[in-house]
Amino acid sequence: MTHQIIQDLSNRYTTKKFDASKKVSPDDLAVIMEAMRLSASSINSQPWKFIVIESDAAKQRMHNTFANKFQFNQPHVMTASHIIIFAHNPAYTRANYEAVIDKGIADLRTKPEDKEAAFGAFAFVELNTGEDGDTSAWTKAQTYLALGNTMHTLARLNIDSTPMEGIDTDLVGKEFAVELDGYVTDVALAIGYRDAENDYNITPPKSRLAMADVIVKL
């Protein structure tokens, strides 16, 4: 199949070694960040925060969070152009959703007189809230929508990436406590450009289950 979307997805792979000399341009980074912001989420909840690690000082802080485990991902921190932390709100409240509704009113998507009616969608949050106010299972799922959208955007831009669930969430939470401001993270994304001479994952052909094994067409 020759469609551009299929070519993008066929060409992307999980990069195992980045070229530290190559950086994502400011223009491309602006596109990536806007794509993250525009990602879909249930009831447009947007229960996320994206921390873009670019400076050497910030990279060192992230590097330090691999002190105890997942050291196989540690080299990406210094060799990738950027690391993006995908964080979610573990206690999403009516006040959080009100901020979304108010933005919708400012953007002329929702009429001011319809504000109270717009809270009807919050019932879905309540269905996904534990007795202790924990919404993390639901809000975490939303961040993966943004992660997938970001990875496809990167593929369209011919920028390589490595999704990393192999991060020490506790140490990341402590190191970036100020920036996270109560949000928590389970995944980060390294982005940049492959080291074509040393990345062993370039050569193997892409392998996916057959169409008939994963899609049921009725």
N, C-alpha and C. Protein backbone atom coordinates (compact mmCIF):
# COMPACT_ATOMS: atom_id res chain seq x y z
N MET A 1 0.85 -1.19 0.00
CA MET A 1 0.00 0.00 0.00
C MET A 1 0.88 1.25 0.00
N THR A 2 0.53 2.22 -0.83
CA THR A 2 1.40 3.39 -1.01
C THR A 2 0.89 4.65 -0.31
N HIS A 3 -0.21 4.57 0.41
CA HIS A 3 -0.74 5.77 1.06
C HIS A 3 0.29 6.33 2.04
N GLN A 4 0.37 7.65 2.13
CA GLN A 4 1.38 8.30 2.96
C GLN A 4 1.28 7.90 4.43
N ILE A 5 0.06 7.78 4.93
CA ILE A 5 -0.10 7.37 6.32
C ILE A 5 0.52 6.00 6.55
N ILE A 6 0.28 5.07 5.64
CA ILE A 6 0.83 3.72 5.77
C ILE A 6 2.35 3.76 5.66
N GLN A 7 2.87 4.61 4.80
CA GLN A 7 4.32 4.74 4.68
C GLN A 7 4.93 5.28 5.97
N ASP A 8 4.25 6.28 6.57
CA ASP A 8 4.72 6.83 7.84
C ASP A 8 4.83 5.74 8.90
N LEU A 9 3.77 4.95 9.02
CA LEU A 9 3.71 3.94 10.07
C LEU A 9 4.61 2.75 9.77
N SER A 10 4.83 2.49 8.50
CA SER A 10 5.72 1.40 8.12
C SER A 10 7.18 1.76 8.38
N ASN A 11 7.50 3.04 8.21
CA ASN A 11 8.88 3.48 8.36
C ASN A 11 9.30 3.70 9.81
N ARG A 12 8.33 3.99 10.69
CA ARG A 12 8.69 4.25 12.09
C ARG A 12 9.01 2.94 12.80
N TYR A 13 9.88 3.03 13.77
CA TYR A 13 10.23 1.89 14.59
C TYR A 13 10.74 2.45 15.92
N THR A 14 10.89 1.60 16.89
CA THR A 14 11.41 2.05 18.18
C THR A 14 12.93 2.17 18.09
N THR A 15 13.39 3.39 18.16
CA THR A 15 14.82 3.65 18.02
C THR A 15 15.58 3.16 19.26
N LYS A 16 16.66 2.45 19.02
CA LYS A 16 17.45 1.90 20.12
C LYS A 16 18.73 2.70 20.38
N LYS A 17 19.12 3.52 19.43
CA LYS A 17 20.30 4.36 19.64
C LYS A 17 20.13 5.65 18.85
N PHE A 18 20.20 6.78 19.55
CA PHE A 18 20.03 8.09 18.93
C PHE A 18 21.38 8.72 18.60
N ASP A 19 21.36 9.60 17.61
CA ASP A 19 22.53 10.39 17.24
C ASP A 19 22.48 11.69 18.05
N ALA A 20 23.36 11.81 19.03
CA ALA A 20 23.34 12.96 19.94
C ALA A 20 23.65 14.27 19.25
N SER A 21 24.24 14.21 18.06
CA SER A 21 24.61 15.45 17.36
C SER A 21 23.44 16.08 16.61
N LYS A 22 22.33 15.36 16.49
CA LYS A 22 21.19 15.85 15.72
C LYS A 22 20.06 16.27 16.65
N LYS A 23 19.54 17.46 16.43
CA LYS A 23 18.49 18.01 17.28
C LYS A 23 17.23 18.32 16.47
N VAL A 24 16.10 18.16 17.11
CA VAL A 24 14.83 18.55 16.50
C VAL A 24 14.78 20.06 16.42
N SER A 25 14.39 20.57 15.26
CA SER A 25 14.37 22.02 15.07
C SER A 25 13.27 22.67 15.88
N PRO A 26 13.42 23.95 16.21
CA PRO A 26 12.35 24.66 16.94
C PRO A 26 11.02 24.62 16.20
N ASP A 27 11.06 24.72 14.88
CA ASP A 27 9.82 24.69 14.10
C ASP A 27 9.12 23.34 14.23
N ASP A 28 9.89 22.26 14.11
CA ASP A 28 9.30 20.93 14.25
C ASP A 28 8.81 20.70 15.68
N LEU A 29 9.56 21.18 16.65
CA LEU A 29 9.14 21.02 18.04
C LEU A 29 7.82 21.74 18.30
N ALA A 30 7.66 22.89 17.67
CA ALA A 30 6.40 23.63 17.82
C ALA A 30 5.23 22.83 17.27
N VAL A 31 5.44 22.14 16.14
CA VAL A 31 4.40 21.30 15.56
C VAL A 31 4.08 20.14 16.50
N ILE A 32 5.10 19.53 17.05
CA ILE A 32 4.91 18.39 17.95
C ILE A 32 4.12 18.80 19.19
N MET A 33 4.48 19.92 19.77
CA MET A 33 3.78 20.37 20.98
C MET A 33 2.33 20.74 20.69
N GLU A 34 2.09 21.34 19.53
CA GLU A 34 0.71 21.67 19.17
C GLU A 34 -0.09 20.40 18.91
N ALA A 35 0.55 19.39 18.31
CA ALA A 35 -0.14 18.12 18.09
C ALA A 35 -0.51 17.47 19.42
N MET A 36 0.37 17.56 20.40
CA MET A 36 0.05 17.01 21.72
C MET A 36 -1.14 17.74 22.31
N ARG A 37 -1.12 19.07 22.21
CA ARG A 37 -2.21 19.88 22.76
C ARG A 37 -3.54 19.54 22.11
N LEU A 38 -3.53 19.21 20.83
CA LEU A 38 -4.75 18.93 20.07
C LEU A 38 -5.21 17.48 20.17
N SER A 39 -4.52 16.68 20.93
CA SER A 39 -4.88 15.26 21.04
C SER A 39 -6.29 15.08 21.59
N ALA A 40 -6.90 14.00 21.18
CA ALA A 40 -8.25 13.67 21.64
C ALA A 40 -8.21 13.13 23.06
N SER A 41 -9.30 13.35 23.79
CA SER A 41 -9.46 12.76 25.12
C SER A 41 -10.95 12.59 25.41
N SER A 42 -11.26 11.65 26.25
CA SER A 42 -12.66 11.40 26.61
C SER A 42 -13.30 12.67 27.16
N ILE A 43 -14.48 12.99 26.68
CA ILE A 43 -15.27 14.19 27.01
C ILE A 43 -14.42 15.47 26.93
N ASN A 44 -13.37 15.41 26.11
CA ASN A 44 -12.47 16.57 25.96
C ASN A 44 -11.87 16.98 27.31
N SER A 45 -11.64 15.99 28.16
CA SER A 45 -11.21 16.26 29.54
C SER A 45 -9.80 16.85 29.63
N GLN A 46 -8.92 16.43 28.72
CA GLN A 46 -7.54 16.93 28.69
C GLN A 46 -6.87 16.86 30.07
N PRO A 47 -6.89 15.67 30.71
CA PRO A 47 -6.39 15.56 32.08
C PRO A 47 -4.88 15.33 32.14
N TRP A 48 -4.14 16.08 31.35
CA TRP A 48 -2.73 15.79 31.17
C TRP A 48 -1.84 17.00 31.31
N LYS A 49 -0.57 16.68 31.38
CA LYS A 49 0.48 17.70 31.36
C LYS A 49 1.67 17.07 30.66
N PHE A 50 2.31 17.83 29.77
CA PHE A 50 3.45 17.33 29.01
C PHE A 50 4.69 18.13 29.40
N ILE A 51 5.68 17.46 29.92
CA ILE A 51 6.92 18.13 30.30
C ILE A 51 7.97 17.83 29.25
N VAL A 52 8.39 18.87 28.54
CA VAL A 52 9.34 18.72 27.43
C VAL A 52 10.74 19.03 27.96
N ILE A 53 11.56 18.01 28.00
CA ILE A 53 12.92 18.13 28.53
C ILE A 53 13.89 18.39 27.39
N GLU A 54 14.51 19.56 27.42
CA GLU A 54 15.37 19.98 26.32
C GLU A 54 16.77 20.40 26.79
N SER A 55 16.87 21.14 27.87
CA SER A 55 18.15 21.68 28.31
C SER A 55 19.04 20.57 28.89
N ASP A 56 20.33 20.81 28.90
CA ASP A 56 21.26 19.85 29.48
C ASP A 56 20.98 19.64 30.96
N ALA A 57 20.62 20.72 31.65
CA ALA A 57 20.35 20.61 33.08
C ALA A 57 19.13 19.73 33.34
N ALA A 58 18.10 19.92 32.54
CA ALA A 58 16.88 19.10 32.72
C ALA A 58 17.15 17.65 32.34
N LYS A 59 17.96 17.44 31.31
CA LYS A 59 18.31 16.07 30.92
C LYS A 59 19.09 15.38 32.04
N GLN A 60 19.96 16.12 32.70
CA GLN A 60 20.70 15.51 33.80
C GLN A 60 19.77 15.11 34.93
N ARG A 61 18.77 15.93 35.20
CA ARG A 61 17.79 15.59 36.21
C ARG A 61 17.06 14.30 35.84
N MET A 62 16.67 14.18 34.57
CA MET A 62 15.99 12.96 34.12
C MET A 62 16.95 11.77 34.17
N HIS A 63 18.18 12.01 33.77
CA HIS A 63 19.20 10.96 33.80
C HIS A 63 19.34 10.39 35.22
N ASN A 64 19.26 11.26 36.20
CA ASN A 64 19.43 10.85 37.59
C ASN A 64 18.31 9.92 38.07
N THR A 65 17.15 9.98 37.42
CA THR A 65 16.03 9.16 37.88
C THR A 65 16.19 7.69 37.52
N PHE A 66 17.23 7.36 36.77
CA PHE A 66 17.49 5.96 36.41
C PHE A 66 18.51 5.32 37.35
N ALA A 67 18.68 5.89 38.52
CA ALA A 67 19.70 5.40 39.45
C ALA A 67 19.44 3.98 39.91
N ASN A 68 18.17 3.59 40.02
CA ASN A 68 17.83 2.31 40.64
C ASN A 68 17.39 1.24 39.66
N LYS A 69 16.80 1.62 38.54
CA LYS A 69 16.28 0.61 37.61
C LYS A 69 16.06 1.20 36.23
N PHE A 70 15.80 0.31 35.29
CA PHE A 70 15.55 0.64 33.89
C PHE A 70 16.74 1.35 33.24
N GLN A 71 17.94 0.97 33.62
CA GLN A 71 19.13 1.62 33.08
C GLN A 71 19.27 1.44 31.57
N PHE A 72 18.57 0.46 31.00
CA PHE A 72 18.65 0.27 29.55
C PHE A 72 18.07 1.45 28.79
N ASN A 73 17.22 2.22 29.42
CA ASN A 73 16.66 3.42 28.79
C ASN A 73 17.46 4.68 29.10
N GLN A 74 18.35 4.60 30.06
CA GLN A 74 19.09 5.78 30.52
C GLN A 74 19.89 6.47 29.41
N PRO A 75 20.57 5.74 28.51
CA PRO A 75 21.34 6.42 27.47
C PRO A 75 20.51 7.33 26.57
N HIS A 76 19.23 7.02 26.40
CA HIS A 76 18.39 7.85 25.53
C HIS A 76 18.27 9.28 26.05
N VAL A 77 18.36 9.43 27.35
CA VAL A 77 18.15 10.76 27.94
C VAL A 77 19.16 11.76 27.40
N MET A 78 20.39 11.36 27.28
CA MET A 78 21.45 12.27 26.84
C MET A 78 21.67 12.27 25.34
N THR A 79 21.25 11.22 24.65
CA THR A 79 21.50 11.16 23.21
C THR A 79 20.30 11.61 22.37
N ALA A 80 19.09 11.44 22.90
CA ALA A 80 17.92 11.92 22.17
C ALA A 80 17.89 13.45 22.19
N SER A 81 17.20 14.02 21.24
CA SER A 81 17.09 15.48 21.19
C SER A 81 16.27 16.01 22.36
N HIS A 82 15.14 15.35 22.64
CA HIS A 82 14.25 15.76 23.72
C HIS A 82 13.66 14.52 24.38
N ILE A 83 13.27 14.67 25.62
CA ILE A 83 12.48 13.67 26.33
C ILE A 83 11.17 14.35 26.73
N ILE A 84 10.06 13.67 26.46
CA ILE A 84 8.76 14.23 26.82
C ILE A 84 8.12 13.33 27.87
N ILE A 85 7.79 13.90 29.01
CA ILE A 85 7.09 13.17 30.06
C ILE A 85 5.58 13.38 29.86
N PHE A 86 4.85 12.29 29.78
CA PHE A 86 3.40 12.34 29.65
C PHE A 86 2.80 12.08 31.03
N ALA A 87 2.18 13.09 31.60
CA ALA A 87 1.66 12.98 32.97
C ALA A 87 0.15 13.15 32.98
N HIS A 88 -0.49 12.56 33.98
CA HIS A 88 -1.95 12.64 34.09
C HIS A 88 -2.36 13.05 35.49
N ASN A 89 -3.55 13.60 35.56
CA ASN A 89 -4.13 14.04 36.83
C ASN A 89 -4.77 12.84 37.51
N PRO A 90 -4.28 12.41 38.68
CA PRO A 90 -4.83 11.22 39.33
C PRO A 90 -6.11 11.48 40.12
N ALA A 91 -6.50 12.73 40.20
CA ALA A 91 -7.72 13.08 40.96
C ALA A 91 -8.46 14.19 40.21
N TYR A 92 -8.99 13.82 39.06
CA TYR A 92 -9.67 14.77 38.19
C TYR A 92 -11.03 15.13 38.80
N THR A 93 -11.28 16.42 38.96
CA THR A 93 -12.47 16.87 39.67
C THR A 93 -13.39 17.71 38.78
N ARG A 94 -14.54 18.05 39.35
CA ARG A 94 -15.48 18.92 38.66
C ARG A 94 -14.84 20.27 38.35
N ALA A 95 -13.98 20.74 39.24
CA ALA A 95 -13.29 22.02 39.00
C ALA A 95 -12.36 21.92 37.80
N ASN A 96 -11.71 20.77 37.64
CA ASN A 96 -10.86 20.58 36.46
C ASN A 96 -11.68 20.62 35.18
N TYR A 97 -12.84 19.98 35.23
CA TYR A 97 -13.68 19.98 34.03
C TYR A 97 -14.29 21.35 33.78
N GLU A 98 -14.54 22.09 34.84
CA GLU A 98 -15.07 23.44 34.66
C GLU A 98 -14.09 24.30 33.88
N ALA A 99 -12.80 24.12 34.12
CA ALA A 99 -11.79 24.87 33.37
C ALA A 99 -11.89 24.56 31.88
N VAL A 100 -12.19 23.29 31.55
CA VAL A 100 -12.36 22.90 30.15
C VAL A 100 -13.61 23.57 29.56
N ILE A 101 -14.69 23.55 30.33
CA ILE A 101 -15.93 24.18 29.85
C ILE A 101 -15.74 25.67 29.66
N ASP A 102 -15.08 26.32 30.61
CA ASP A 102 -14.86 27.77 30.50
C ASP A 102 -14.01 28.10 29.28
N LYS A 103 -13.04 27.24 28.98
CA LYS A 103 -12.23 27.47 27.77
C LYS A 103 -13.10 27.29 26.53
N GLY A 104 -14.02 26.33 26.59
CA GLY A 104 -14.93 26.12 25.47
C GLY A 104 -15.83 27.33 25.25
N ILE A 105 -16.23 27.98 26.34
CA ILE A 105 -17.02 29.20 26.24
C ILE A 105 -16.18 30.32 25.64
N ALA A 106 -14.95 30.45 26.08
CA ALA A 106 -14.05 31.49 25.54
C ALA A 106 -13.77 31.26 24.07
N ASP A 107 -13.74 29.99 23.65
CA ASP A 107 -13.47 29.66 22.25
C ASP A 107 -14.73 29.65 21.39
N LEU A 108 -15.86 30.01 22.01
CA LEU A 108 -17.16 30.08 21.33
C LEU A 108 -17.68 28.71 20.91
N ARG A 109 -17.19 27.66 21.55
CA ARG A 109 -17.70 26.32 21.29
C ARG A 109 -18.97 26.07 22.11
N THR A 110 -19.00 26.62 23.31
CA THR A 110 -20.14 26.46 24.21
C THR A 110 -20.73 27.82 24.54
N LYS A 111 -22.03 27.91 24.52
CA LYS A 111 -22.68 29.16 24.88
C LYS A 111 -22.66 29.31 26.40
N PRO A 112 -22.46 30.52 26.91
CA PRO A 112 -22.42 30.73 28.37
C PRO A 112 -23.65 30.19 29.08
N GLU A 113 -24.80 30.35 28.45
CA GLU A 113 -26.03 29.89 29.09
C GLU A 113 -26.14 28.35 29.12
N ASP A 114 -25.27 27.68 28.37
CA ASP A 114 -25.28 26.21 28.33
C ASP A 114 -24.23 25.60 29.26
N LYS A 115 -23.60 26.43 30.07
CA LYS A 115 -22.50 25.93 30.91
C LYS A 115 -22.94 24.81 31.83
N GLU A 116 -24.04 24.99 32.54
CA GLU A 116 -24.46 23.96 33.49
C GLU A 116 -24.81 22.66 32.77
N ALA A 117 -25.43 22.78 31.61
CA ALA A 117 -25.78 21.58 30.85
C ALA A 117 -24.54 20.84 30.39
N ALA A 118 -23.46 21.58 30.14
CA ALA A 118 -22.22 20.96 29.68
C ALA A 118 -21.62 20.04 30.72
N PHE A 119 -21.98 20.27 31.99
CA PHE A 119 -21.46 19.41 33.06
C PHE A 119 -22.07 18.01 33.00
N GLY A 120 -23.06 17.82 32.14
CA GLY A 120 -23.66 16.49 32.02
C GLY A 120 -22.64 15.42 31.68
N ALA A 121 -21.64 15.81 30.88
CA ALA A 121 -20.62 14.84 30.48
C ALA A 121 -19.75 14.42 31.65
N PHE A 122 -19.75 15.21 32.73
CA PHE A 122 -18.91 14.88 33.88
C PHE A 122 -19.35 13.57 34.54
N ALA A 123 -20.54 13.13 34.22
CA ALA A 123 -21.02 11.86 34.76
C ALA A 123 -20.07 10.72 34.39
N PHE A 124 -19.42 10.86 33.25
CA PHE A 124 -18.49 9.81 32.83
C PHE A 124 -17.26 9.79 33.73
N VAL A 125 -16.85 10.97 34.19
CA VAL A 125 -15.75 11.02 35.16
C VAL A 125 -16.15 10.33 36.45
N GLU A 126 -17.36 10.61 36.90
CA GLU A 126 -17.84 10.02 38.15
C GLU A 126 -17.88 8.50 38.06
N LEU A 127 -18.21 7.97 36.89
CA LEU A 127 -18.22 6.52 36.70
C LEU A 127 -16.82 5.93 36.81
N ASN A 128 -15.81 6.76 36.61
CA ASN A 128 -14.42 6.30 36.63
C ASN A 128 -13.64 6.85 37.82
N THR A 129 -14.35 7.23 38.87
CA THR A 129 -13.72 7.75 40.08
C THR A 129 -13.92 6.78 41.24
N GLY A 130 -12.83 6.43 41.91
CA GLY A 130 -12.93 5.53 43.04
C GLY A 130 -13.48 6.25 44.26
N GLU A 131 -13.78 5.48 45.29
CA GLU A 131 -14.34 6.06 46.51
C GLU A 131 -13.38 7.05 47.15
N ASP A 132 -12.09 6.88 46.88
CA ASP A 132 -11.08 7.79 47.44
C ASP A 132 -10.77 8.95 46.51
N GLY A 133 -11.57 9.09 45.43
CA GLY A 133 -11.36 10.19 44.50
C GLY A 133 -10.33 9.90 43.43
N ASP A 134 -9.85 8.67 43.36
CA ASP A 134 -8.80 8.29 42.40
C ASP A 134 -9.39 8.12 41.00
N THR A 135 -8.88 8.88 40.06
CA THR A 135 -9.30 8.75 38.66
C THR A 135 -8.16 8.28 37.77
N SER A 136 -7.06 7.82 38.37
CA SER A 136 -5.82 7.60 37.61
C SER A 136 -5.95 6.57 36.49
N ALA A 137 -6.73 5.51 36.69
CA ALA A 137 -6.86 4.52 35.62
C ALA A 137 -7.46 5.15 34.37
N TRP A 138 -8.43 6.04 34.57
CA TRP A 138 -9.09 6.70 33.45
C TRP A 138 -8.22 7.80 32.85
N THR A 139 -7.63 8.63 33.69
CA THR A 139 -6.82 9.74 33.16
C THR A 139 -5.53 9.23 32.52
N LYS A 140 -4.98 8.17 33.07
CA LYS A 140 -3.78 7.58 32.45
C LYS A 140 -4.10 7.12 31.03
N ALA A 141 -5.27 6.53 30.85
CA ALA A 141 -5.66 6.07 29.51
C ALA A 141 -5.69 7.21 28.51
N GLN A 142 -6.08 8.39 28.95
CA GLN A 142 -6.13 9.54 28.05
C GLN A 142 -4.73 9.94 27.57
N THR A 143 -3.73 9.80 28.46
CA THR A 143 -2.38 10.19 28.06
C THR A 143 -1.85 9.29 26.94
N TYR A 144 -2.35 8.05 26.90
CA TYR A 144 -1.88 7.16 25.85
C TYR A 144 -2.50 7.51 24.49
N LEU A 145 -3.66 8.15 24.51
CA LEU A 145 -4.19 8.70 23.26
C LEU A 145 -3.25 9.78 22.74
N ALA A 146 -2.79 10.64 23.65
CA ALA A 146 -1.86 11.70 23.26
C ALA A 146 -0.53 11.12 22.83
N LEU A 147 -0.07 10.07 23.50
CA LEU A 147 1.19 9.44 23.13
C LEU A 147 1.14 8.89 21.71
N GLY A 148 0.07 8.18 21.39
CA GLY A 148 -0.07 7.63 20.04
C GLY A 148 -0.13 8.73 18.99
N ASN A 149 -0.89 9.78 19.29
CA ASN A 149 -0.98 10.90 18.36
C ASN A 149 0.39 11.55 18.14
N THR A 150 1.15 11.69 19.21
CA THR A 150 2.47 12.29 19.11
C THR A 150 3.41 11.42 18.29
N MET A 151 3.36 10.12 18.50
CA MET A 151 4.25 9.22 17.76
C MET A 151 3.95 9.24 16.27
N HIS A 152 2.66 9.35 15.91
CA HIS A 152 2.32 9.44 14.49
C HIS A 152 2.77 10.78 13.92
N THR A 153 2.62 11.83 14.69
CA THR A 153 3.09 13.14 14.24
C THR A 153 4.59 13.11 13.97
N LEU A 154 5.32 12.48 14.87
CA LEU A 154 6.77 12.35 14.69
C LEU A 154 7.10 11.58 13.42
N ALA A 155 6.36 10.50 13.18
CA ALA A 155 6.60 9.71 11.97
C ALA A 155 6.37 10.55 10.72
N ARG A 156 5.34 11.39 10.75
CA ARG A 156 5.06 12.27 9.60
C ARG A 156 6.19 13.26 9.39
N LEU A 157 6.85 13.67 10.47
CA LEU A 157 7.95 14.62 10.40
C LEU A 157 9.31 13.95 10.18
N ASN A 158 9.31 12.62 10.04
CA ASN A 158 10.55 11.85 9.90
C ASN A 158 11.48 12.04 11.10
N ILE A 159 10.86 12.09 12.27
CA ILE A 159 11.60 12.17 13.53
C ILE A 159 11.42 10.85 14.25
N ASP A 160 12.50 10.31 14.77
CA ASP A 160 12.46 9.01 15.43
C ASP A 160 12.00 9.13 16.87
N SER A 161 11.55 8.02 17.44
CA SER A 161 11.06 8.06 18.82
C SER A 161 11.19 6.71 19.49
N THR A 162 11.20 6.77 20.82
CA THR A 162 11.24 5.57 21.65
C THR A 162 10.31 5.78 22.85
N PRO A 163 9.15 5.13 22.86
CA PRO A 163 8.27 5.23 24.04
C PRO A 163 8.90 4.45 25.19
N MET A 164 8.85 5.00 26.39
CA MET A 164 9.53 4.38 27.53
C MET A 164 8.58 4.27 28.73
N GLU A 165 8.00 3.09 28.90
CA GLU A 165 7.33 2.81 30.17
C GLU A 165 8.37 2.40 31.21
N GLY A 166 9.56 2.09 30.75
CA GLY A 166 10.65 1.76 31.65
C GLY A 166 11.27 3.00 32.26
N ILE A 167 10.51 3.66 33.12
CA ILE A 167 11.00 4.80 33.88
C ILE A 167 10.64 4.57 35.34
N ASP A 168 11.43 5.13 36.22
CA ASP A 168 11.16 5.01 37.66
C ASP A 168 10.17 6.10 38.03
N THR A 169 8.90 5.74 38.06
CA THR A 169 7.85 6.75 38.26
C THR A 169 8.00 7.47 39.59
N ASP A 170 8.47 6.76 40.60
CA ASP A 170 8.65 7.40 41.91
C ASP A 170 9.75 8.45 41.87
N LEU A 171 10.90 8.10 41.29
CA LEU A 171 12.00 9.05 41.23
C LEU A 171 11.69 10.22 40.29
N VAL A 172 11.02 9.92 39.18
CA VAL A 172 10.62 11.00 38.27
C VAL A 172 9.66 11.94 39.00
N GLY A 173 8.75 11.36 39.75
CA GLY A 173 7.80 12.17 40.51
C GLY A 173 8.47 13.07 41.52
N LYS A 174 9.52 12.57 42.16
CA LYS A 174 10.24 13.37 43.15
C LYS A 174 11.11 14.44 42.48
N GLU A 175 11.82 14.04 41.41
CA GLU A 175 12.73 14.96 40.74
C GLU A 175 11.99 16.12 40.09
N PHE A 176 10.82 15.82 39.53
CA PHE A 176 10.05 16.85 38.81
C PHE A 176 8.76 17.20 39.55
N ALA A 177 8.82 17.12 40.87
CA ALA A 177 7.61 17.37 41.68
C ALA A 177 7.04 18.76 41.43
N VAL A 178 7.88 19.75 41.30
CA VAL A 178 7.40 21.13 41.10
C VAL A 178 6.70 21.23 39.75
N GLU A 179 7.34 20.70 38.71
CA GLU A 179 6.76 20.78 37.38
C GLU A 179 5.50 19.93 37.24
N LEU A 180 5.49 18.78 37.87
CA LEU A 180 4.31 17.90 37.79
C LEU A 180 3.14 18.45 38.59
N ASP A 181 3.43 19.10 39.70
CA ASP A 181 2.41 19.78 40.50
C ASP A 181 1.21 18.88 40.79
N GLY A 182 1.49 17.68 41.28
CA GLY A 182 0.41 16.77 41.64
C GLY A 182 0.06 15.75 40.58
N TYR A 183 0.50 15.98 39.35
CA TYR A 183 0.25 15.01 38.29
C TYR A 183 1.26 13.87 38.44
N VAL A 184 0.95 12.73 37.84
CA VAL A 184 1.83 11.57 37.91
C VAL A 184 2.10 11.05 36.50
N THR A 185 3.17 10.28 36.37
CA THR A 185 3.54 9.80 35.05
C THR A 185 3.87 8.32 35.07
N ASP A 186 3.58 7.66 33.98
CA ASP A 186 3.93 6.25 33.80
C ASP A 186 4.71 6.02 32.51
N VAL A 187 4.86 7.06 31.70
CA VAL A 187 5.50 6.87 30.40
C VAL A 187 6.16 8.17 29.94
N ALA A 188 7.27 8.00 29.25
CA ALA A 188 7.97 9.14 28.64
C ALA A 188 8.30 8.76 27.20
N LEU A 189 8.65 9.75 26.41
CA LEU A 189 8.94 9.53 25.00
C LEU A 189 10.24 10.23 24.64
N ALA A 190 11.21 9.45 24.17
CA ALA A 190 12.46 10.03 23.66
C ALA A 190 12.28 10.32 22.18
N ILE A 191 12.68 11.51 21.75
CA ILE A 191 12.54 11.86 20.33
C ILE A 191 13.87 12.41 19.81
N GLY A 192 14.13 12.19 18.54
CA GLY A 192 15.36 12.68 17.94
C GLY A 192 15.62 11.97 16.62
N TYR A 193 16.86 11.65 16.37
CA TYR A 193 17.24 11.03 15.10
C TYR A 193 18.14 9.83 15.35
N ARG A 194 17.88 8.77 14.64
CA ARG A 194 18.60 7.51 14.81
C ARG A 194 20.09 7.64 14.52
N ASP A 195 20.86 6.84 15.22
CA ASP A 195 22.27 6.66 14.89
C ASP A 195 22.31 5.52 13.89
N ALA A 196 22.30 5.87 12.60
CA ALA A 196 22.10 4.88 11.55
C ALA A 196 23.17 3.79 11.52
N GLU A 197 24.35 4.09 12.00
CA GLU A 197 25.43 3.11 11.95
C GLU A 197 25.41 2.15 13.14
N ASN A 198 24.76 2.54 14.22
CA ASN A 198 24.85 1.73 15.44
C ASN A 198 23.51 1.27 16.01
N ASP A 199 22.43 1.65 15.38
CA ASP A 199 21.11 1.24 15.88
C ASP A 199 20.75 -0.12 15.28
N TYR A 200 20.78 -1.15 16.11
CA TYR A 200 20.54 -2.51 15.62
C TYR A 200 19.10 -2.75 15.18
N ASN A 201 18.20 -1.86 15.57
CA ASN A 201 16.79 -2.10 15.29
C ASN A 201 16.35 -1.55 13.93
N ILE A 202 17.28 -0.98 13.18
CA ILE A 202 16.93 -0.43 11.86
C ILE A 202 16.71 -1.54 10.84
N THR A 203 17.59 -2.52 10.85
CA THR A 203 17.64 -3.53 9.78
C THR A 203 16.48 -4.52 9.77
N PRO A 204 16.05 -5.05 10.90
CA PRO A 204 14.98 -6.07 10.85
C PRO A 204 13.71 -5.52 10.22
N PRO A 205 13.04 -6.34 9.41
CA PRO A 205 11.79 -5.89 8.79
C PRO A 205 10.70 -5.73 9.85
N LYS A 206 9.76 -4.86 9.57
CA LYS A 206 8.63 -4.67 10.50
C LYS A 206 7.80 -5.94 10.52
N SER A 207 7.35 -6.30 11.71
CA SER A 207 6.55 -7.51 11.87
C SER A 207 5.30 -7.20 12.68
N ARG A 208 4.14 -7.47 12.10
CA ARG A 208 2.86 -7.30 12.77
C ARG A 208 1.98 -8.50 12.46
N LEU A 209 1.04 -8.79 13.33
CA LEU A 209 0.09 -9.86 13.05
C LEU A 209 -0.69 -9.54 11.78
N ALA A 210 -1.17 -10.59 11.14
CA ALA A 210 -1.90 -10.43 9.88
C ALA A 210 -3.21 -9.68 10.11
N MET A 211 -3.66 -9.00 9.07
CA MET A 211 -4.90 -8.24 9.13
C MET A 211 -6.05 -9.10 9.65
N ALA A 212 -6.14 -10.34 9.14
CA ALA A 212 -7.24 -11.22 9.52
C ALA A 212 -7.21 -11.62 10.99
N ASP A 213 -6.03 -11.51 11.61
CA ASP A 213 -5.90 -11.89 13.01
C ASP A 213 -6.31 -10.79 13.99
N VAL A 214 -6.38 -9.56 13.51
CA VAL A 214 -6.63 -8.47 14.44
C VAL A 214 -7.85 -7.60 14.09
N ILE A 215 -8.40 -7.78 12.89
CA ILE A 215 -9.53 -6.96 12.48
C ILE A 215 -10.71 -7.86 12.10
N VAL A 216 -11.85 -7.54 12.67
CA VAL A 216 -13.09 -8.24 12.33
C VAL A 216 -13.97 -7.27 11.59
N LYS A 217 -14.23 -7.52 10.35
CA LYS A 217 -15.05 -6.63 9.52
C LYS A 217 -16.43 -7.25 9.35
N LEU A 218 -17.46 -6.52 9.79
CA LEU A 218 -18.82 -7.04 9.75
C LEU A 218 -19.64 -6.40 8.63
